[in-house]
Amino acid sequence: MPRIAALISLIAAALGCIATAALADDDDYPTWQPSSDAAVAITGPVILFPDRFNAGQANFPWQEDGVAPQFKPDQGPIPARIFKLAATPAAPVLLNGARLCGDTAVKWIVMVPAPPNGLEIDAYGSDDKPASISSPGRCGTFDYRRW
């Protein structure tokens, strides 16, 4: 009987591990904490997924569209990553009724690393892919940190 109880316990533990893996969620990706007034007021913490950017209760589906080695003059050696948002431009309501770019729909998101533990997110509403921080259409800049 003790062997059966041990076997049942082992099976229950294994099933628990499988169920936990199947329920993987936002905890699998790091949360970036807001470190600028704009980020605190508009987005709060954000999570960057391979297929979307999550801010507040909104998801912005995206697809990586390239890198920019010197998106900003003071960027450092890590290239910025440029993401095109899904076919429909996005302007969901975030914190306090705010939007990333006010009434302008966001079409591009640029992730600019700020080592050692920072990240700048620039939002663009222009049709053209941004090539630098001075590209037309920038409508929001938000700073984050991982503590």
Protein backbone atom coordinates (compact mmCIF):
# COMPACT_ATOMS: atom_id res chain seq x y z
CA MET A 1 0.00 0.00 0.00
CA PRO A 2 2.78 2.53 0.74
CA ARG A 3 4.14 1.94 -2.78
CA ILE A 4 0.76 2.74 -4.30
CA ALA A 5 0.48 5.93 -2.24
CA ALA A 6 3.99 6.95 -3.30
CA LEU A 7 3.17 6.23 -6.95
CA ILE A 8 -0.05 8.26 -6.74
CA SER A 9 1.87 11.15 -5.16
CA LEU A 10 4.49 11.00 -7.91
CA ILE A 11 1.84 10.99 -10.65
CA ALA A 12 -0.01 13.90 -9.00
CA ALA A 13 3.22 15.91 -8.79
CA ALA A 14 4.03 15.22 -12.45
CA LEU A 15 0.52 16.23 -13.53
CA GLY A 16 0.82 19.40 -11.47
CA CYS A 17 4.04 20.31 -13.30
CA ILE A 18 2.44 19.65 -16.68
CA ALA A 19 -0.62 21.74 -15.78
CA THR A 20 1.58 24.60 -14.58
CA ALA A 21 3.59 24.54 -17.82
CA ALA A 22 0.38 24.57 -19.88
CA LEU A 23 -0.85 27.63 -18.01
CA ALA A 24 2.26 29.72 -18.75
CA ASP A 25 1.31 33.38 -18.78
CA ASP A 26 2.76 36.87 -18.51
CA ASP A 27 5.09 35.70 -15.74
CA ASP A 28 7.22 34.07 -18.44
CA TYR A 29 8.25 37.50 -19.73
CA PRO A 30 9.85 40.32 -17.73
CA THR A 31 7.74 43.26 -16.72
CA TRP A 32 9.24 46.67 -17.38
CA GLN A 33 8.37 49.25 -14.72
CA PRO A 34 7.64 52.84 -15.79
CA SER A 35 10.41 55.33 -14.98
CA SER A 36 9.18 58.47 -16.74
CA ASP A 37 6.13 60.61 -15.98
CA ALA A 38 4.57 59.70 -19.35
CA ALA A 39 5.03 55.97 -18.77
CA VAL A 40 3.61 56.17 -15.24
CA ALA A 41 0.55 58.15 -16.36
CA ILE A 42 -0.24 56.42 -19.68
CA THR A 43 1.02 52.82 -19.77
CA GLY A 44 2.06 51.68 -16.32
CA PRO A 45 4.18 48.51 -16.41
CA VAL A 46 4.62 46.89 -19.83
CA ILE A 47 5.41 43.39 -21.04
CA LEU A 48 7.11 42.70 -24.37
CA PHE A 49 6.05 39.45 -26.02
CA PRO A 50 7.39 38.07 -29.30
CA ASP A 51 4.05 38.78 -31.00
CA ARG A 52 2.70 41.76 -29.05
CA PHE A 53 3.36 44.62 -26.67
CA ASN A 54 1.15 44.76 -23.56
CA ALA A 55 0.44 48.07 -21.79
CA GLY A 56 -2.34 48.49 -19.26
CA GLN A 57 -5.11 46.14 -20.33
CA ALA A 58 -4.33 46.56 -24.04
CA ASN A 59 -2.33 44.40 -26.42
CA PHE A 60 -0.63 45.82 -29.47
CA PRO A 61 0.01 42.95 -31.93
CA TRP A 62 3.27 43.53 -33.77
CA GLN A 63 5.89 42.07 -36.04
CA GLU A 64 9.58 42.92 -35.92
CA ASP A 65 10.56 44.93 -39.00
CA GLY A 66 14.27 45.52 -38.49
CA VAL A 67 16.96 46.99 -36.31
CA ALA A 68 18.67 50.37 -36.19
CA PRO A 69 22.26 50.37 -34.88
CA GLN A 70 22.16 54.12 -34.13
CA PHE A 71 18.52 55.05 -33.72
CA LYS A 72 19.59 57.64 -31.12
CA PRO A 73 23.00 59.33 -30.94
CA ASP A 74 23.56 58.25 -27.30
CA GLN A 75 22.15 54.75 -27.76
CA GLY A 76 25.28 52.71 -27.19
CA PRO A 77 26.26 49.44 -28.88
CA ILE A 78 22.91 47.57 -28.66
CA PRO A 79 20.71 48.18 -31.72
CA ALA A 80 17.14 49.42 -31.42
CA ARG A 81 14.40 47.07 -32.60
CA ILE A 82 11.66 48.40 -34.85
CA PHE A 83 8.19 46.83 -34.79
CA LYS A 84 5.29 47.38 -37.17
CA LEU A 85 1.93 47.11 -35.48
CA ALA A 86 -0.74 44.84 -36.91
CA ALA A 87 -2.55 45.84 -40.10
CA THR A 88 -5.03 47.98 -38.18
CA PRO A 89 -3.36 51.00 -36.53
CA ALA A 90 -3.78 50.92 -32.78
CA ALA A 91 -5.11 53.57 -30.40
CA PRO A 92 -6.60 51.65 -27.45
CA VAL A 93 -7.45 53.40 -24.21
CA LEU A 94 -4.81 52.80 -21.54
CA LEU A 95 -4.47 54.22 -18.01
CA ASN A 96 -6.55 57.22 -16.99
CA GLY A 97 -8.32 57.22 -20.38
CA ALA A 98 -5.04 58.09 -22.13
CA ARG A 99 -3.63 56.62 -25.34
CA LEU A 100 -0.03 56.10 -26.45
CA CYS A 101 -0.24 58.88 -29.03
CA GLY A 102 -3.37 60.78 -28.07
CA ASP A 103 -5.83 60.62 -30.96
CA THR A 104 -3.15 59.43 -33.39
CA ALA A 105 -3.16 55.71 -34.17
CA VAL A 106 0.18 54.03 -33.47
CA LYS A 107 1.75 52.31 -36.47
CA TRP A 108 5.32 51.74 -35.29
CA ILE A 109 6.99 50.97 -31.94
CA VAL A 110 10.76 51.30 -31.49
CA MET A 111 12.53 49.67 -28.54
CA VAL A 112 15.72 51.55 -27.71
CA PRO A 113 17.92 49.84 -25.10
CA ALA A 114 19.25 51.99 -22.25
CA PRO A 115 21.80 49.74 -20.50
CA PRO A 116 22.26 48.45 -17.94
CA ASN A 117 18.57 48.00 -17.06
CA GLY A 118 16.58 50.59 -18.99
CA LEU A 119 14.43 50.71 -22.09
CA GLU A 120 12.98 53.59 -24.09
CA ILE A 121 9.85 52.93 -26.13
CA ASP A 122 9.11 55.39 -28.93
CA ALA A 123 5.70 55.35 -30.63
CA TYR A 124 5.18 56.61 -34.18
CA GLY A 125 1.97 57.38 -36.03
CA SER A 126 3.49 57.91 -39.48
CA ASP A 127 3.11 55.52 -42.40
CA ASP A 128 6.86 55.49 -43.02
CA LYS A 129 9.14 53.24 -40.99
CA PRO A 130 11.14 55.35 -38.53
CA ALA A 131 14.91 55.30 -39.11
CA SER A 132 16.02 57.55 -36.24
CA ILE A 133 14.67 59.38 -33.21
CA SER A 134 14.14 62.43 -35.45
CA SER A 135 11.95 60.56 -37.98
CA PRO A 136 8.57 62.23 -38.54
CA GLY A 137 5.53 60.98 -36.69
CA ARG A 138 6.98 60.40 -33.21
CA CYS A 139 4.05 60.88 -30.89
CA GLY A 140 5.16 59.33 -27.62
CA THR A 141 8.32 58.48 -25.68
CA PHE A 142 8.17 56.27 -22.59
CA ASP A 143 10.98 55.11 -20.29
CA TYR A 144 11.12 51.86 -18.30
CA ARG A 145 13.43 49.97 -15.97
CA ARG A 146 13.79 46.39 -14.80
CA TRP A 147 14.75 46.40 -11.14
